[in-house]
Protein backbone atom coordinates (compact mmCIF):
# COMPACT_ATOMS: atom_id res chain seq x y z
CA UNK A 1 0.00 0.00 0.00
CA UNK A 2 1.34 3.44 -0.90
CA UNK A 3 2.10 5.64 2.09
CA UNK A 4 -0.14 8.69 2.53
CA UNK A 5 1.70 11.83 1.39
CA UNK A 6 0.76 13.66 4.58
CA UNK A 7 2.86 11.19 6.59
CA UNK A 8 6.06 12.18 4.81
CA UNK A 9 7.88 14.15 7.47
CA UNK A 10 10.79 16.36 8.23
CA UNK A 11 12.09 13.53 10.38
CA UNK A 12 12.41 11.39 7.28
CA UNK A 13 14.33 14.16 5.52
CA UNK A 14 16.75 14.50 8.41
CA UNK A 15 17.55 10.84 8.06
CA UNK A 16 17.15 10.42 4.34
CA UNK A 17 19.14 13.46 3.16
CA UNK A 18 22.02 13.26 5.62
CA UNK A 19 24.73 11.10 4.10
CA UNK A 20 25.72 9.15 7.21
CA UNK A 21 25.15 8.71 10.93
CA UNK A 22 27.84 7.65 13.38
CA UNK A 23 27.65 3.86 13.33
CA UNK A 24 28.58 3.08 16.93
CA UNK A 25 27.45 5.95 19.15
CA UNK A 26 28.15 5.11 22.80
CA UNK A 27 25.35 5.70 25.28
CA UNK A 28 25.99 8.50 27.75
CA UNK A 29 28.34 10.30 25.40
CA UNK A 30 28.12 14.10 25.36
CA UNK A 31 29.44 14.31 21.81
CA UNK A 32 26.06 14.07 20.12
CA UNK A 33 25.19 11.55 17.46
CA UNK A 34 27.63 12.94 14.88
CA UNK A 35 30.62 13.95 17.01
CA UNK A 36 31.75 17.37 18.21
CA UNK A 37 29.24 20.18 18.42
CA UNK A 38 29.51 23.32 16.32
CA UNK A 39 30.87 25.04 19.41
CA UNK A 40 34.19 23.23 19.01
CA UNK A 41 37.20 25.24 17.95
CA UNK A 42 37.61 25.13 14.17
CA UNK A 43 40.30 27.63 13.24
CA UNK A 44 41.86 26.22 10.08
CA UNK A 45 39.86 26.60 6.89
CA UNK A 46 39.22 24.06 4.16
CA UNK A 47 42.27 25.15 2.13
CA UNK A 48 44.69 24.60 5.02
CA UNK A 49 43.20 21.33 6.26
CA UNK A 50 42.40 19.56 3.02
CA UNK A 51 44.05 21.13 -0.04
CA UNK A 52 47.44 22.80 0.47
CA UNK A 53 48.67 19.85 2.54
CA UNK A 54 48.55 17.84 -0.70
CA UNK A 55 50.68 20.32 -2.63
CA UNK A 56 47.94 22.32 -4.35
CA UNK A 57 47.58 26.08 -4.33
CA UNK A 58 44.38 27.15 -2.63
CA UNK A 59 42.75 30.50 -1.91
CA UNK A 60 40.10 31.32 0.68
CA UNK A 61 37.45 33.83 -0.44
CA UNK A 62 34.43 35.44 1.16
CA UNK A 63 31.29 36.32 -0.79
CA UNK A 64 28.43 38.51 0.44
CA UNK A 65 24.91 37.66 -0.69
CA UNK A 66 22.33 40.35 -1.41
CA UNK A 67 20.51 39.43 1.81
CA UNK A 68 23.68 39.86 3.88
CA UNK A 69 25.13 36.38 4.42
CA UNK A 70 28.91 35.94 4.21
CA UNK A 71 29.80 32.76 2.34
CA UNK A 72 33.14 30.99 2.31
CA UNK A 73 34.59 29.79 -1.00
CA UNK A 74 37.79 27.95 -1.88
CA UNK A 75 39.64 28.28 -5.14
CA UNK A 76 42.12 25.75 -6.50
CA UNK A 77 43.51 27.69 -9.48
CA UNK A 78 45.72 24.96 -10.91
CA UNK A 79 46.82 21.36 -10.53
CA UNK A 80 49.97 20.10 -8.90
CA UNK A 81 51.57 19.82 -12.33
CA UNK A 82 51.72 23.31 -13.80
CA UNK A 83 50.89 23.96 -17.42
CA UNK A 84 47.63 22.03 -17.65
CA UNK A 85 44.81 23.81 -19.46
CA UNK A 86 46.54 27.11 -20.04
CA UNK A 87 47.55 29.77 -17.58
CA UNK A 88 45.83 32.48 -15.55
CA UNK A 89 42.35 33.41 -16.74
CA UNK A 90 42.49 31.10 -19.77
CA UNK A 91 41.54 28.16 -17.54
CA UNK A 92 37.86 27.27 -17.55
CA UNK A 93 36.22 27.92 -14.16
CA UNK A 94 34.18 25.14 -12.51
CA UNK A 95 31.89 25.79 -9.54
CA UNK A 96 31.15 22.78 -7.30
CA UNK A 97 28.10 22.81 -5.00
CA UNK A 98 27.59 20.33 -2.15
CA UNK A 99 24.33 18.88 -0.80
CA UNK A 100 22.33 19.38 2.40
CA UNK A 101 23.83 18.91 5.90
CA UNK A 102 27.39 18.94 4.53
CA UNK A 103 29.84 21.57 3.24
CA UNK A 104 32.60 21.75 0.65
CA UNK A 105 34.81 19.49 2.75
CA UNK A 106 32.67 16.54 1.61
CA UNK A 107 34.40 16.69 -1.80
CA UNK A 108 37.87 16.37 -0.24
CA UNK A 109 37.77 13.25 1.93
CA UNK A 110 39.50 10.74 -0.35
CA UNK A 111 43.08 10.87 -1.64
CA UNK A 112 43.96 13.77 -3.98
CA UNK A 113 43.89 11.39 -6.94
CA UNK A 114 40.26 10.50 -6.12
CA UNK A 115 38.78 13.86 -5.04
CA UNK A 116 36.70 15.70 -7.65
CA UNK A 117 38.21 19.19 -7.04
CA UNK A 118 41.78 17.89 -7.42
CA UNK A 119 40.86 15.76 -10.43
CA UNK A 120 39.46 18.85 -12.13
CA UNK A 121 42.44 21.01 -11.14
CA UNK A 122 44.88 18.42 -12.48
CA UNK A 123 42.91 18.35 -15.73
CA UNK A 124 43.48 22.09 -16.15
CA UNK A 125 40.32 23.65 -14.70
CA UNK A 126 40.08 26.61 -12.33
CA UNK A 127 38.12 25.04 -9.45
CA UNK A 128 35.82 26.89 -7.05
CA UNK A 129 34.20 25.13 -4.08
CA UNK A 130 30.99 26.69 -2.76
CA UNK A 131 29.67 26.47 0.81
CA UNK A 132 26.08 27.36 1.71
CA UNK A 133 24.89 29.60 4.54
CA UNK A 134 24.79 28.02 7.98
CA UNK A 135 27.69 25.62 7.48
CA UNK A 136 30.73 25.94 9.72
CA UNK A 137 32.58 28.58 7.68
CA UNK A 138 29.42 30.43 6.58
CA UNK A 139 27.96 31.56 9.89
CA UNK A 140 28.45 35.30 9.47
CA UNK A 141 26.02 38.02 8.38
CA UNK A 142 26.32 41.77 7.96
CA UNK A 143 23.83 42.44 10.77
CA UNK A 144 22.69 39.11 12.27
CA UNK A 145 24.39 36.65 14.60
CA UNK A 146 24.05 32.90 14.09
CA UNK A 147 22.64 32.63 17.62
CA UNK A 148 19.59 34.64 16.50
CA UNK A 149 16.56 32.83 15.04
CA UNK A 150 16.39 35.44 12.28
CA UNK A 151 19.73 34.18 10.96
CA UNK A 152 18.04 30.84 10.20
CA UNK A 153 14.87 32.17 8.57
CA UNK A 154 15.49 30.67 5.16
CA UNK A 155 14.94 27.57 3.04
CA UNK A 156 16.46 26.33 -0.19
CA UNK A 157 14.53 29.12 -1.93
CA UNK A 158 17.14 31.55 -0.59
CA UNK A 159 19.95 29.30 -1.82
CA UNK A 160 18.36 29.56 -5.26
CA UNK A 161 17.74 33.31 -5.13
CA UNK A 162 20.77 34.56 -3.18
CA UNK A 163 23.58 32.07 -2.49
CA UNK A 164 23.99 30.60 -5.96
CA UNK A 165 23.73 33.94 -7.82
CA UNK A 166 26.26 35.48 -5.41
CA UNK A 167 28.91 32.80 -5.94
CA UNK A 168 28.31 32.72 -9.70
CA UNK A 169 28.73 36.50 -9.94
CA UNK A 170 31.86 36.38 -7.78
CA UNK A 171 33.54 33.68 -9.87
CA UNK A 172 32.56 35.41 -13.11
CA UNK A 173 33.93 38.75 -11.89
CA UNK A 174 37.19 37.06 -10.89
CA UNK A 175 37.65 35.08 -14.11
CA UNK A 176 35.62 36.97 -16.74
CA UNK A 177 34.55 33.58 -18.11
CA UNK A 178 31.31 31.64 -18.13
CA UNK A 179 31.21 28.86 -15.59
CA UNK A 180 30.77 25.09 -15.61
CA UNK A 181 28.57 23.97 -12.70
CA UNK A 182 28.59 20.69 -10.77
CA UNK A 183 25.96 19.91 -8.15
CA UNK A 184 25.34 16.84 -6.01
CA UNK A 185 22.07 16.07 -4.23
CA UNK A 186 20.63 19.39 -2.95
CA UNK A 187 23.23 21.10 -5.16
CA UNK A 188 21.33 19.69 -8.14
CA UNK A 189 17.96 20.90 -6.87
CA UNK A 190 19.06 24.49 -6.28
CA UNK A 191 20.95 24.51 -9.58
CA UNK A 192 17.96 23.32 -11.58
CA UNK A 193 15.60 25.72 -9.81
CA UNK A 194 17.97 28.67 -10.18
CA UNK A 195 18.68 28.00 -13.86
CA UNK A 196 14.95 27.69 -14.53
CA UNK A 197 14.50 31.19 -13.10
CA UNK A 198 17.20 32.58 -15.38
CA UNK A 199 19.51 33.73 -12.57
CA UNK A 200 22.70 32.58 -14.32
CA UNK A 201 21.69 33.29 -17.92
CA UNK A 202 24.87 35.23 -18.71
CA UNK A 203 27.39 33.41 -16.53
CA UNK A 204 26.59 29.68 -16.93
CA UNK A 205 28.42 27.62 -19.55
CA UNK A 206 27.21 24.08 -18.77
CA UNK A 207 25.90 22.00 -15.86
CA UNK A 208 26.60 18.53 -14.48
CA UNK A 209 24.09 17.06 -12.03
CA UNK A 210 25.30 14.11 -9.95
CA UNK A 211 22.61 12.06 -8.21
CA UNK A 212 19.87 14.65 -8.89
CA UNK A 213 17.06 15.06 -6.35
CA UNK A 214 14.78 17.46 -8.22
CA UNK A 215 11.83 15.13 -7.60
CA UNK A 216 11.69 13.08 -4.39
CA UNK A 217 8.32 11.34 -4.34
CA UNK A 218 9.75 7.89 -5.10
CA UNK A 219 12.50 7.83 -2.48
CA UNK A 220 13.03 4.20 -1.50
CA UNK A 221 14.80 3.83 1.82
CA UNK A 222 14.88 1.19 4.51
CA UNK A 223 13.97 3.82 7.08
CA UNK A 224 11.07 5.37 5.19
CA UNK A 225 8.32 3.36 6.86
CA UNK A 226 9.50 4.18 10.38
CA UNK A 227 10.50 7.80 9.75
CA UNK A 228 7.16 8.57 8.09
CA UNK A 229 5.40 8.10 11.45
CA UNK A 230 6.69 11.50 12.61
CA UNK A 231 5.33 14.82 11.32
CA UNK A 232 6.91 18.10 10.26
CA UNK A 233 5.16 19.85 13.12
CA UNK A 234 6.89 17.61 15.64
CA UNK A 235 10.32 18.86 14.57
CA UNK A 236 9.30 22.50 14.41
CA UNK A 237 8.02 22.12 17.96
CA UNK A 238 11.43 20.84 19.01
CA UNK A 239 13.59 23.30 17.10
CA UNK A 240 11.40 26.24 16.13
CA UNK A 241 12.21 28.26 13.02
CA UNK A 242 15.91 28.35 13.77
CA UNK A 243 19.04 26.24 13.44
CA UNK A 244 18.89 22.52 12.85
CA UNK A 245 22.22 21.29 14.17
CA UNK A 246 22.67 17.54 13.57
CA UNK A 247 25.53 17.58 16.08
CA UNK A 248 23.37 19.10 18.82
CA UNK A 249 21.82 17.23 21.70
CA UNK A 250 18.19 17.74 20.58
CA UNK A 251 18.83 16.26 17.16
CA UNK A 252 20.90 13.49 18.70
CA UNK A 253 18.13 12.41 21.06
CA UNK A 254 15.51 12.55 18.32
CA UNK A 255 17.53 10.60 15.77
CA UNK A 256 18.54 7.97 18.32
CA UNK A 257 14.89 7.49 19.20
CA UNK A 258 14.20 6.48 15.60
CA UNK A 259 17.05 4.00 15.76
CA UNK A 260 15.25 2.23 18.63
CA UNK A 261 12.36 1.19 16.41
CA UNK A 262 12.19 -2.60 15.83
CA UNK A 263 13.85 -3.60 12.59
CA UNK A 264 15.87 -0.38 12.17
CA UNK A 265 19.58 -1.18 11.95
CA UNK A 266 21.52 1.97 12.79
CA UNK A 267 24.79 0.09 12.55
CA UNK A 268 24.42 0.20 8.78
CA UNK A 269 22.47 3.43 8.54
CA UNK A 270 24.51 4.83 5.66
CA UNK A 271 23.25 2.16 3.29
CA UNK A 272 19.77 2.30 4.82
CA UNK A 273 19.61 6.03 4.05
CA UNK A 274 21.38 6.36 0.72
CA UNK A 275 21.05 2.91 -0.80
CA UNK A 276 23.78 0.30 -0.90
CA UNK A 277 26.92 2.22 -1.85
CA UNK A 278 29.32 0.03 -3.76
CA UNK A 279 32.60 1.80 -3.49
CA UNK A 280 33.26 3.60 -0.20
CA UNK A 281 36.48 3.38 1.78
CA UNK A 282 35.95 2.88 5.52
CA UNK A 283 38.66 5.41 6.36
CA UNK A 284 36.85 7.98 4.19
CA UNK A 285 33.58 7.34 6.00
CA UNK A 286 35.40 7.78 9.34
CA UNK A 287 36.83 11.09 8.11
CA UNK A 288 33.36 12.13 6.98
CA UNK A 289 31.99 11.48 10.45
CA UNK A 290 34.70 13.68 11.98
CA UNK A 291 33.99 16.60 9.63
CA UNK A 292 30.30 16.40 8.78
CA UNK A 293 27.35 16.87 8.96
CA UNK A 294 26.78 20.62 9.10
CA UNK A 295 23.94 22.77 10.34
CA UNK A 296 21.13 24.02 8.17
CA UNK A 297 17.90 25.90 8.83
CA UNK A 298 14.95 23.97 10.23
CA UNK A 299 12.89 25.84 7.64
CA UNK A 300 15.10 24.34 4.94
CA UNK A 301 14.39 20.84 6.22
CA UNK A 302 10.67 21.62 6.27
CA UNK A 303 10.87 22.81 2.65
CA UNK A 304 12.62 19.60 1.63
CA UNK A 305 9.91 17.61 3.43
CA UNK A 306 7.31 19.54 1.44
CA UNK A 307 9.16 18.63 -1.76
CA UNK A 308 8.89 14.95 -0.84
CA UNK A 309 5.27 15.21 0.25
CA UNK A 310 3.96 17.17 -2.73
CA UNK A 311 6.03 15.61 -5.51
CA UNK A 312 6.53 18.98 -7.21
CA UNK A 313 9.26 21.62 -7.20
CA UNK A 314 7.72 24.72 -5.65
CA UNK A 315 8.71 27.54 -3.34
CA UNK A 316 8.28 27.22 0.42
CA UNK A 317 4.67 26.68 1.49
CA UNK A 318 3.78 28.75 4.56
CA UNK A 319 0.93 26.42 5.37
CA UNK A 320 -1.94 28.90 5.14
CA UNK A 321 -3.31 30.52 1.98
CA UNK A 322 -3.27 33.99 3.56
CA UNK A 323 0.40 33.61 4.53
CA UNK A 324 1.24 32.49 1.00
CA UNK A 325 -0.66 35.50 -0.36
CA UNK A 326 1.47 37.75 1.87
CA UNK A 327 4.68 36.32 0.42
CA UNK A 328 3.72 35.42 -3.14
CA UNK A 329 0.47 37.22 -3.93
CA UNK A 330 -1.23 33.85 -4.43
CA UNK A 331 -2.77 31.17 -2.22
CA UNK A 332 -0.29 28.56 -3.40
CA UNK A 333 3.49 28.94 -3.71
CA UNK A 334 4.90 29.43 -7.24
CA UNK A 335 6.25 26.44 -9.16
CA UNK A 336 9.83 26.16 -10.39
CA UNK A 337 9.31 25.23 -14.05
CA UNK A 338 12.33 23.09 -14.93
CA UNK A 339 11.34 23.15 -18.61
CA UNK A 340 12.22 26.87 -18.60
CA UNK A 341 15.92 25.98 -18.46
CA UNK A 342 17.38 27.16 -21.79
CA UNK A 343 17.09 24.27 -24.22
CA UNK A 344 20.57 24.84 -25.60
CA UNK A 345 22.29 24.65 -22.18
CA UNK A 346 24.70 21.68 -22.17
CA UNK A 347 23.56 19.35 -19.34
CA UNK A 348 25.13 16.15 -17.99
CA UNK A 349 23.09 13.96 -15.62
CA UNK A 350 24.61 10.98 -13.79
CA UNK A 351 22.50 8.73 -11.59
CA UNK A 352 22.78 5.34 -9.90
CA UNK A 353 20.75 2.16 -9.90
CA UNK A 354 21.13 1.64 -6.14
CA UNK A 355 20.42 5.24 -5.09
CA UNK A 356 17.59 5.33 -2.54
CA UNK A 357 17.38 9.14 -2.58
CA UNK A 358 17.70 9.87 -6.29
CA UNK A 359 15.36 7.08 -7.35
CA UNK A 360 15.35 6.05 -11.01
CA UNK A 361 11.65 6.93 -11.32
CA UNK A 362 12.29 10.44 -9.98
CA UNK A 363 15.21 10.92 -12.35
CA UNK A 364 12.88 9.91 -15.17
CA UNK A 365 10.46 12.64 -14.04
CA UNK A 366 13.33 15.11 -14.29
CA UNK A 367 14.21 13.87 -17.76
CA UNK A 368 10.54 14.19 -18.74
CA UNK A 369 10.72 17.84 -17.66
CA UNK A 370 13.62 18.21 -20.09
CA UNK A 371 11.95 16.32 -22.96
CA UNK A 372 12.06 19.39 -25.21
CA UNK A 373 15.75 20.01 -24.48
CA UNK A 374 18.11 19.92 -27.43
CA UNK A 375 19.02 16.22 -27.66
CA UNK A 376 22.56 17.14 -28.64
CA UNK A 377 22.93 19.18 -25.44
CA UNK A 378 21.68 16.58 -22.95
CA UNK A 379 23.92 13.69 -21.86
CA UNK A 380 22.89 11.05 -19.33
CA UNK A 381 24.91 8.41 -17.53
CA UNK A 382 23.37 5.49 -15.61
CA UNK A 383 25.64 3.61 -13.18
CA UNK A 384 23.96 0.38 -12.15
CA UNK A 385 25.90 -0.22 -8.91
CA UNK A 386 26.10 3.37 -7.62
CA UNK A 387 24.17 4.80 -4.67
CA UNK A 388 23.98 8.37 -3.36
CA UNK A 389 27.31 8.68 -1.54
CA UNK A 390 29.36 6.93 -4.24
CA UNK A 391 29.19 10.07 -6.41
CA UNK A 392 31.10 12.09 -3.78
CA UNK A 393 33.18 9.54 -1.88
CA UNK A 394 33.45 6.52 -4.19
CA UNK A 395 37.01 5.29 -4.58
CA UNK A 396 36.40 4.62 -8.28
CA UNK A 397 34.36 7.79 -8.94
CA UNK A 398 37.24 9.32 -10.89
CA UNK A 399 37.20 6.52 -13.45
CA UNK A 400 33.43 5.99 -13.48
CA UNK A 401 32.03 9.54 -13.18
CA UNK A 402 34.58 12.36 -12.96
CA UNK A 403 36.43 11.53 -16.18
CA UNK A 404 33.06 11.59 -17.96
CA UNK A 405 32.34 15.03 -16.48
CA UNK A 406 35.76 16.26 -17.62
CA UNK A 407 35.15 15.04 -21.19
CA UNK A 408 31.70 16.65 -21.15
CA UNK A 409 33.18 19.99 -20.09
CA UNK A 410 36.00 19.76 -22.63
CA UNK A 411 33.45 19.19 -25.40
CA UNK A 412 31.89 22.57 -24.55
CA UNK A 413 35.07 24.53 -25.34
């Protein structure tokens, strides 16, 4: 029997969209389910901890959005072997966008030979790593403090309207070249929505979507049945319209309570959430647990839950027609029309046969939305054995996925 759409909850999104949960959390620990809290000292940036130590040049940048958030970006301007792909501004810029509850560090957990940013840099691209508001290095604002609820009054609509345009404009102003885009998971959703609204019409060169989650109504996860018993309202009661910190005690208690349900195996929660990943290294997963997940807005999680529940890509629903009228001038929130993406935009889509989050049926819905796209501009790749995390942390992702992305970008020269 199909589950009622109203039972799809924020709780399910917390579990289903996070990439991993600590497999062996000891009872009585004060660390929280995912390790250290956001209050821990984190002085060194992503460049220092994960890029320059491998012999790559790396620059830290800050970008201000039009609504006042200060975003951290990292630039890897060249590979370890100089001379690849030209020099200076002749290199093609690539912007890489992570998913929900993680930051740009998620791309840098394997060896340099296996990490997407380094692979691209070594192939001669000018690589820019984006980080969304609320993550550990993006907790500043021109007038708000991250301890204030107002700082967290946003959903992925604001990532579409403010974060992505800000980083695109910054990279374009620095390089004076149109930009190749790569998104994974939520990075695909905000990319598709933003491009459909025409935000990057003059700065986007091509787009690669890895494990796209534009539509989420067919998510197939081992935890779905149990997680669907909780409601969005339950989480908003716990957290309010403020920060959702997966490393915090409230989230830890809630998530552990779901692990106590009969039949839920939290010792293999990664595969239960994302599908059975084929190609992860245990040491990489351990490093992921030490560095991720990151905070997001509770409102963002609610919006994602709405996306699952409603099966359409629309702006945040305020729950009452009069509230929606206040924000949008209509009783229902506006739809993001994916078919409005320019039909001549080169697009690469890669998805996996074992992915429980980016289900094959939902990817087909996305492809149906692009049915009028120029067939010579749309390339798809199906990887039978891949699940959600393999696209970011798979030890063979360079050979299976990244080299295909590189060839796709090179064909757009």
